[in-house]
Amino acid sequence: MRWVEFAAEFPGGLEELNMPSDEQMHWIIYYSLDVIFVSLTLVLVMTWIACKMAKSLLTLLINRMPMFINKFKEMVPSQKEKEN
């Protein structure tokens, strides 16, 4: 409420607070396309990095899978050992 009273008391003295109209602004700034492009670029870069990391992790796990299977087979006694 104070700001409304202040603006009413000094109607022409606050030129620095007046926003430019749509005719005075460039269309890129008017529609905030600069902010949208930067945000979209950041999202795409972060998604690309996440996909690369996931692919590397999956490749690492798939390449080491036989090693884990062999260790599991060593830990679990076979049927022949159970019969003896």
Foldseek 3Di string as FASTA:
>chain_A
DVVVVVCVVPVPPPPVPDDDDPVPDDPCVVVVVVVVVVVVVVVVVVVVVVVVVVVVVVVVCVVCVVVVVVVVCVVDDDPVVVVD
